Protein backbone atom coordinates (compact mmCIF):
# COMPACT_ATOMS: atom_id res chain seq x y z
CA UNK A 1 -13.74 -5.38 2.46
CA UNK A 2 -12.98 -4.59 6.09
CA UNK A 3 -10.33 -2.02 5.19
CA UNK A 4 -12.57 -0.44 2.54
CA UNK A 5 -15.32 -0.08 5.16
CA UNK A 6 -12.97 1.56 7.68
CA UNK A 7 -11.51 3.95 5.11
CA UNK A 8 -14.93 4.97 3.83
CA UNK A 9 -16.89 5.16 7.06
CA UNK A 10 -14.29 6.25 9.61
CA UNK A 11 -11.88 8.27 7.48
CA UNK A 12 -14.17 9.62 4.74
CA UNK A 13 -12.42 8.10 1.71
CA UNK A 14 -14.17 7.63 -1.60
CA UNK A 15 -13.45 3.94 -2.17
CA UNK A 16 -13.15 1.96 -5.39
CA UNK A 17 -13.11 -1.66 -4.24
CA UNK A 18 -11.81 -4.30 -6.64
CA UNK A 19 -12.20 -7.90 -5.51
CA UNK A 20 -10.50 -10.61 -7.55
CA UNK A 21 -9.98 -8.10 -10.35
CA UNK A 22 -8.46 -9.05 -13.66
CA UNK A 23 -5.52 -7.37 -15.37
CA UNK A 24 -7.53 -5.02 -17.60
CA UNK A 25 -9.79 -3.82 -14.80
CA UNK A 26 -6.88 -3.17 -12.44
CA UNK A 27 -4.59 -1.45 -14.95
CA UNK A 28 -7.35 0.67 -16.47
CA UNK A 29 -8.60 1.83 -13.05
CA UNK A 30 -5.06 2.65 -11.89
CA UNK A 31 -4.49 4.67 -15.05
CA UNK A 32 -7.84 6.48 -14.84
CA UNK A 33 -7.44 7.38 -11.17
CA UNK A 34 -3.87 8.60 -11.57
CA UNK A 35 -4.97 10.95 -14.37
CA UNK A 36 -8.20 12.12 -12.72
CA UNK A 37 -6.83 13.39 -9.42
CA UNK A 38 -5.78 16.99 -8.82
CA UNK A 39 -3.29 18.67 -6.50
CA UNK A 40 -6.10 18.99 -3.95
CA UNK A 41 -6.62 15.21 -3.80
CA UNK A 42 -5.00 12.42 -1.84
CA UNK A 43 -4.71 8.81 -2.96
CA UNK A 44 -4.38 5.59 -1.00
CA UNK A 45 -3.87 2.35 -2.92
CA UNK A 46 -4.09 -0.93 -1.02
CA UNK A 47 -3.19 -4.16 -2.79
CA UNK A 48 -3.53 -7.53 -1.11
CA UNK A 49 -2.87 -10.48 -3.33
CA UNK A 50 -0.26 -12.57 -5.01
CA UNK A 51 3.09 -11.14 -5.94
CA UNK A 52 6.02 -12.58 -7.83
CA UNK A 53 9.63 -11.60 -8.42
CA UNK A 54 11.32 -11.94 -11.79
CA UNK A 55 14.85 -12.59 -10.57
CA UNK A 56 16.48 -11.78 -13.92
CA UNK A 57 14.76 -8.38 -14.05
CA UNK A 58 14.90 -7.95 -10.27
CA UNK A 59 11.36 -6.60 -10.54
CA UNK A 60 8.25 -7.48 -8.62
CA UNK A 61 4.81 -8.02 -10.10
CA UNK A 62 1.23 -8.05 -8.87
CA UNK A 63 -0.68 -11.08 -10.09
CA UNK A 64 -4.34 -10.30 -10.84
CA UNK A 65 -6.95 -13.05 -11.00
CA UNK A 66 -6.28 -13.82 -14.70
CA UNK A 67 -2.49 -14.03 -14.35
CA UNK A 68 -0.69 -17.31 -14.82
CA UNK A 69 2.91 -18.46 -14.68
CA UNK A 70 2.70 -19.60 -18.29
CA UNK A 71 1.26 -16.32 -19.63
CA UNK A 72 3.21 -13.36 -18.30
CA UNK A 73 1.26 -10.74 -20.24
CA UNK A 74 -1.22 -10.44 -17.36
CA UNK A 75 1.36 -9.65 -14.69
CA UNK A 76 1.29 -6.03 -13.47
CA UNK A 77 4.82 -4.75 -12.98
CA UNK A 78 5.83 -2.68 -10.01
CA UNK A 79 7.30 -0.21 -12.49
CA UNK A 80 3.76 0.41 -13.87
CA UNK A 81 2.49 1.05 -10.34
CA UNK A 82 5.41 3.39 -9.62
CA UNK A 83 4.80 5.23 -12.91
CA UNK A 84 1.14 5.81 -12.02
CA UNK A 85 2.11 7.09 -8.58
CA UNK A 86 4.57 9.50 -10.21
CA UNK A 87 2.10 10.57 -12.91
CA UNK A 88 -0.76 11.62 -10.67
CA UNK A 89 -1.17 15.22 -9.60
CA UNK A 90 -2.54 14.07 -6.22
CA UNK A 91 -0.72 15.83 -3.42
CA UNK A 92 -0.32 12.84 -1.12
CA UNK A 93 -0.08 9.23 -2.29
CA UNK A 94 0.20 6.25 0.01
CA UNK A 95 0.58 2.76 -1.47
CA UNK A 96 0.14 -0.15 0.94
CA UNK A 97 1.04 -3.54 -0.51
CA UNK A 98 0.44 -6.87 1.20
CA UNK A 99 2.02 -9.37 -1.16
CA UNK A 100 5.17 -11.35 -1.70
CA UNK A 101 8.13 -9.39 -3.09
CA UNK A 102 6.39 -6.03 -2.55
CA UNK A 103 9.66 -4.46 -1.41
CA UNK A 104 10.86 -4.33 -5.02
CA UNK A 105 8.28 -1.58 -5.60
CA UNK A 106 10.41 1.01 -3.90
CA UNK A 107 13.92 2.20 -3.65
CA UNK A 108 15.58 1.65 -0.32
CA UNK A 109 15.24 4.54 2.04
CA UNK A 110 15.80 5.14 5.66
CA UNK A 111 14.04 7.98 7.30
CA UNK A 112 14.28 8.92 10.91
CA UNK A 113 10.96 8.43 12.61
CA UNK A 114 9.79 11.74 13.99
CA UNK A 115 8.64 11.84 17.58
CA UNK A 116 7.19 15.30 17.05
CA UNK A 117 3.72 15.66 18.52
CA UNK A 118 0.93 15.84 15.94
CA UNK A 119 -0.37 19.23 16.95
CA UNK A 120 -2.40 21.41 14.60
CA UNK A 121 0.61 23.41 13.37
CA UNK A 122 2.66 20.28 12.58
CA UNK A 123 -0.30 18.69 10.78
CA UNK A 124 -0.68 21.83 8.62
CA UNK A 125 3.04 21.73 7.73
CA UNK A 126 2.74 18.06 6.71
CA UNK A 127 -0.34 18.80 4.58
CA UNK A 128 1.63 21.32 2.50
CA UNK A 129 4.27 18.82 1.39
CA UNK A 130 3.83 16.61 -1.66
CA UNK A 131 4.43 13.01 -0.64
CA UNK A 132 4.79 9.57 -2.21
CA UNK A 133 5.04 6.82 0.41
CA UNK A 134 4.93 3.04 0.27
CA UNK A 135 4.33 0.56 3.06
CA UNK A 136 4.95 -3.08 2.19
CA UNK A 137 4.29 -6.25 4.14
CA UNK A 138 7.84 -7.41 3.47
CA UNK A 139 10.91 -6.80 1.39
CA UNK A 140 11.90 -8.91 -1.60
CA UNK A 141 10.67 -12.00 0.18
CA UNK A 142 7.66 -14.27 0.48
CA UNK A 143 5.17 -13.14 3.14
CA UNK A 144 2.56 -14.94 5.24
CA UNK A 145 -0.86 -15.11 3.61
CA UNK A 146 -2.76 -15.60 6.84
CA UNK A 147 -2.32 -15.75 10.58
CA UNK A 148 -5.02 -18.39 10.73
CA UNK A 149 -7.84 -15.86 10.53
CA UNK A 150 -9.41 -13.92 7.67
CA UNK A 151 -6.44 -11.60 7.14
CA UNK A 152 -2.70 -11.70 6.80
CA UNK A 153 -0.71 -10.75 9.88
CA UNK A 154 0.14 -7.44 8.13
CA UNK A 155 -3.49 -6.62 7.20
CA UNK A 156 -4.71 -7.62 10.65
CA UNK A 157 -2.41 -5.08 12.34
CA UNK A 158 -3.16 -2.38 9.74
CA UNK A 159 -6.90 -2.79 10.32
CA UNK A 160 -6.45 -2.83 14.09
CA UNK A 161 -4.28 0.31 14.01
CA UNK A 162 -6.82 2.24 11.92
CA UNK A 163 -9.81 1.00 13.94
CA UNK A 164 -8.25 1.93 17.29
CA UNK A 165 -7.03 5.36 16.19
CA UNK A 166 -8.99 8.26 17.67
CA UNK A 167 -7.01 11.22 16.28
CA UNK A 168 -5.08 12.35 13.23
CA UNK A 169 -2.46 9.70 12.50
CA UNK A 170 0.55 10.02 10.26
CA UNK A 171 1.93 7.34 7.98
CA UNK A 172 5.04 6.85 10.09
CA UNK A 173 2.92 5.96 13.10
CA UNK A 174 0.86 3.49 11.08
CA UNK A 175 4.01 1.90 9.66
CA UNK A 176 5.81 1.67 12.99
CA UNK A 177 2.83 -0.04 14.61
CA UNK A 178 2.67 -2.61 11.81
CA UNK A 179 6.44 -3.08 11.50
CA UNK A 180 6.96 -3.90 15.17
CA UNK A 181 4.05 -6.34 15.27
CA UNK A 182 4.84 -8.17 12.03
CA UNK A 183 8.60 -8.39 12.65
CA UNK A 184 7.91 -9.86 16.11
CA UNK A 185 5.33 -12.39 14.89
CA UNK A 186 6.49 -13.49 11.44
CA UNK A 187 9.63 -14.09 9.41
CA UNK A 188 9.18 -10.96 7.29
CA UNK A 189 10.12 -7.33 7.73
CA UNK A 190 7.80 -4.59 6.46
């Protein structure tokens, strides 16, 4: 709720907030949104909830409210999420996942963090590029649910970073702020 409020009121996002959503609601909304957006749109997906890893498949899953360990048909595979991210025409897509085993959603990649100043010309060049980025609270590992407060350690730093920001901020800056904080304060690496 806090993140939805920040995104809507500070950053101007149109927010679809699902709280304790079931499988059908989550999958159908993901599908509808991925097909609705155009090349002039941007998409940010934030998932905070339970995640599980099927070790034999080496694939992670999101567990909606109606999922159970006995009935796997309600698990949402990371491959479905990745397919929806690929399928959308949205120009920029950012997926932020705060759950166990979220790292299995992406392929490994290392990208040099740019120290280039975010001036108007650089921002315009970034806006022209089609992007698909993922920030996860950890790799293929369990992650902390809470730091003792209302949010996980990952969500707490994400919220703080967005609240304190006064200018245009790029994804690398958001990630680096979270990565340093979480890696220093928990046994997980975003």
